[in-house]
Amino acid sequence: PECREEFTDRTLRVNRALARLAEKARAVSPKLKEKESKLHCGKHQEELKLFCETDKQLACVICVSAREHREHRFIPINEAVENYTEQIKISLETLTKNELATEKMEQQQTQAIYGVREQSQNQLTYITSVFAKLRQILNEKERLFHKELREEEERVLN
């Protein structure tokens, strides 16, 4: 009982009509759950079984005959899923190829940058060494000019 009081009279009878009704309710319950798991049209509460290729939307059987969809092309949802799955696979393959090509190009650019930096460093080292040699030559010439000048000065003064 709903009142939750103990029922003292233990002479209960089986209610066959209620039992049959409960069985029917149990049988209908899985069907309701199955029906609830499917998508339904917001306007007509019908199961969405078709795909409008023009609007790219799901539609029920009643929507097909509606004025706004009269000239549109409809296909079953399963067919639309197959079509779009194939399109997605093709797009994914293309994107994967593009990604691989981009990664390869990026790697080539990285190697080219490394090569330019290495070449630049080699040029800098070469220029530094050339200037060091030129300084050494100039210092040696300066030393020789000083020596010649002192010798000339001594020769003239003596």
Protein backbone atom coordinates (compact mmCIF):
# COMPACT_ATOMS: atom_id res chain seq x y z
CA PRO A 1 0.00 0.00 0.00
CA GLU A 2 1.04 3.57 -0.60
CA CYS A 3 0.41 4.55 3.01
CA ARG A 4 3.15 2.10 4.10
CA GLU A 5 1.01 0.76 6.90
CA GLU A 6 1.18 -2.93 7.54
CA PHE A 7 -1.69 -4.85 6.07
CA THR A 8 -2.88 -7.33 8.64
CA ASP A 9 -5.27 -9.26 6.47
CA ARG A 10 -3.17 -11.92 4.71
CA THR A 11 -5.92 -13.11 2.45
CA LEU A 12 -4.68 -11.63 -0.78
CA ARG A 13 -6.16 -12.58 -4.11
CA VAL A 14 -4.41 -12.65 -7.45
CA ASN A 15 -5.64 -9.93 -9.77
CA ARG A 16 -5.35 -11.56 -13.22
CA ALA A 17 -6.35 -8.41 -15.10
CA LEU A 18 -3.63 -6.43 -13.33
CA ALA A 19 -1.09 -9.19 -14.01
CA ARG A 20 -1.91 -9.18 -17.75
CA LEU A 21 -1.68 -5.39 -17.84
CA ALA A 22 1.72 -5.51 -16.11
CA GLU A 23 2.95 -8.10 -18.65
CA LYS A 24 1.83 -5.90 -21.53
CA ALA A 25 3.56 -2.90 -19.96
CA ARG A 26 6.79 -4.91 -19.60
CA ALA A 27 6.55 -5.99 -23.25
CA VAL A 28 5.96 -2.43 -24.46
CA SER A 29 8.75 -0.95 -22.30
CA PRO A 30 11.72 -2.23 -24.42
CA LYS A 31 9.95 -1.04 -27.56
CA LEU A 32 9.55 2.41 -26.01
CA LYS A 33 13.21 2.51 -25.07
CA GLU A 34 14.15 1.50 -28.61
CA LYS A 35 11.85 4.16 -30.04
CA GLU A 36 13.19 6.80 -27.61
CA SER A 37 16.77 6.06 -28.68
CA LYS A 38 15.95 7.11 -32.26
CA LEU A 39 15.77 10.73 -33.33
CA HIS A 40 12.37 12.32 -33.81
CA CYS A 41 11.16 15.29 -35.84
CA GLY A 42 10.69 18.43 -33.78
CA LYS A 43 7.56 19.41 -35.75
CA HIS A 44 5.80 16.08 -36.23
CA GLN A 45 7.31 13.83 -33.51
CA GLU A 46 7.88 11.20 -36.22
CA GLU A 47 11.06 9.15 -36.50
CA LEU A 48 13.68 10.81 -38.70
CA LYS A 49 14.28 8.34 -41.52
CA LEU A 50 15.31 10.56 -44.43
CA PHE A 51 18.05 13.03 -45.24
CA CYS A 52 17.37 16.19 -47.24
CA GLU A 53 20.38 16.64 -49.51
CA THR A 54 19.36 20.19 -50.35
CA ASP A 55 19.19 21.43 -46.72
CA LYS A 56 21.66 18.85 -45.34
CA GLN A 57 19.18 18.01 -42.55
CA LEU A 58 17.35 14.94 -41.28
CA ALA A 59 13.63 14.79 -42.05
CA CYS A 60 10.61 12.65 -41.23
CA VAL A 61 8.17 11.21 -43.76
CA ILE A 62 5.70 14.06 -43.16
CA CYS A 63 8.39 16.72 -43.74
CA VAL A 64 8.99 15.35 -47.24
CA SER A 65 5.57 16.47 -48.37
CA ALA A 66 5.85 19.88 -46.68
CA ARG A 67 5.89 22.99 -48.86
CA GLU A 68 9.43 24.04 -47.89
CA HIS A 69 10.85 20.65 -49.00
CA ARG A 70 8.70 20.08 -52.09
CA GLU A 71 11.53 20.48 -54.66
CA HIS A 72 14.24 18.93 -52.47
CA ARG A 73 15.99 15.59 -52.95
CA PHE A 74 15.70 13.04 -50.13
CA ILE A 75 17.62 9.82 -49.50
CA PRO A 76 17.43 7.27 -46.67
CA ILE A 77 19.62 8.06 -43.66
CA ASN A 78 21.69 4.90 -44.13
CA GLU A 79 22.53 5.90 -47.71
CA ALA A 80 23.44 9.41 -46.57
CA VAL A 81 25.68 7.95 -43.88
CA GLU A 82 27.46 5.80 -46.49
CA ASN A 83 27.87 8.76 -48.86
CA TYR A 84 29.18 11.12 -46.23
CA THR A 85 31.38 8.44 -44.66
CA GLU A 86 33.03 7.94 -48.04
CA GLN A 87 33.44 11.70 -48.48
CA ILE A 88 34.96 11.98 -45.02
CA LYS A 89 37.38 9.13 -45.77
CA ILE A 90 38.47 10.84 -48.99
CA SER A 91 38.88 14.17 -47.18
CA LEU A 92 40.83 12.49 -44.40
CA GLU A 93 43.14 10.81 -46.91
CA THR A 94 43.70 14.14 -48.66
CA LEU A 95 44.39 15.90 -45.37
CA THR A 96 46.78 13.13 -44.32
CA LYS A 97 48.67 13.42 -47.62
CA ASN A 98 48.80 17.21 -47.24
CA GLU A 99 50.02 16.87 -43.68
CA LEU A 100 52.79 14.48 -44.74
CA ALA A 101 53.79 16.78 -47.59
CA THR A 102 53.82 19.77 -45.23
CA GLU A 103 55.93 17.88 -42.69
CA LYS A 104 58.38 16.85 -45.43
CA MET A 105 58.56 20.45 -46.68
CA GLU A 106 59.07 21.71 -43.13
CA GLN A 107 61.89 19.22 -42.62
CA GLN A 108 63.51 20.33 -45.91
CA GLN A 109 63.21 23.98 -44.88
CA THR A 110 64.73 23.19 -41.48
CA GLN A 111 67.65 21.45 -43.18
CA ALA A 112 68.06 24.38 -45.58
CA ILE A 113 68.08 26.84 -42.67
CA TYR A 114 70.66 24.70 -40.88
CA GLY A 115 72.77 24.67 -44.07
CA VAL A 116 72.58 28.46 -44.43
CA ARG A 117 73.52 28.96 -40.77
CA GLU A 118 76.45 26.57 -41.09
CA GLN A 119 77.62 28.29 -44.31
CA SER A 120 77.27 31.68 -42.62
CA GLN A 121 79.30 30.49 -39.64
CA ASN A 122 81.99 29.12 -41.98
CA GLN A 123 82.13 32.45 -43.87
CA LEU A 124 82.41 34.36 -40.59
CA THR A 125 85.26 32.11 -39.46
CA TYR A 126 87.00 32.54 -42.83
CA ILE A 127 86.63 36.34 -42.77
CA THR A 128 87.91 36.48 -39.21
CA SER A 129 90.96 34.38 -40.14
CA VAL A 130 91.67 36.51 -43.25
CA PHE A 131 91.52 39.70 -41.19
CA ALA A 132 93.76 38.11 -38.56
CA LYS A 133 96.34 37.29 -41.27
CA LEU A 134 96.04 40.80 -42.73
CA ARG A 135 96.58 42.30 -39.24
CA GLN A 136 99.60 40.05 -38.79
CA ILE A 137 101.01 41.16 -42.18
CA LEU A 138 100.34 44.82 -41.39
CA ASN A 139 101.89 44.50 -37.93
CA GLU A 140 104.94 42.83 -39.48
CA LYS A 141 105.20 45.60 -42.12
CA GLU A 142 104.79 48.25 -39.42
CA ARG A 143 107.55 46.61 -37.37
CA LEU A 144 109.80 46.49 -40.46
CA PHE A 145 109.09 50.16 -41.30
CA HIS A 146 109.93 51.14 -37.70
CA LYS A 147 113.14 49.13 -37.86
CA GLU A 148 114.12 50.63 -41.24
CA LEU A 149 113.28 54.10 -39.98
CA ARG A 150 115.47 53.65 -36.87
CA GLU A 151 118.29 52.27 -38.97
CA GLU A 152 117.98 55.16 -41.41
CA GLU A 153 117.90 57.60 -38.50
CA GLU A 154 121.08 56.06 -37.00
CA ARG A 155 122.85 56.04 -40.34
CA VAL A 156 121.96 59.69 -40.97
CA LEU A 157 122.89 60.80 -37.47
CA ASN A 158 126.16 58.87 -37.29
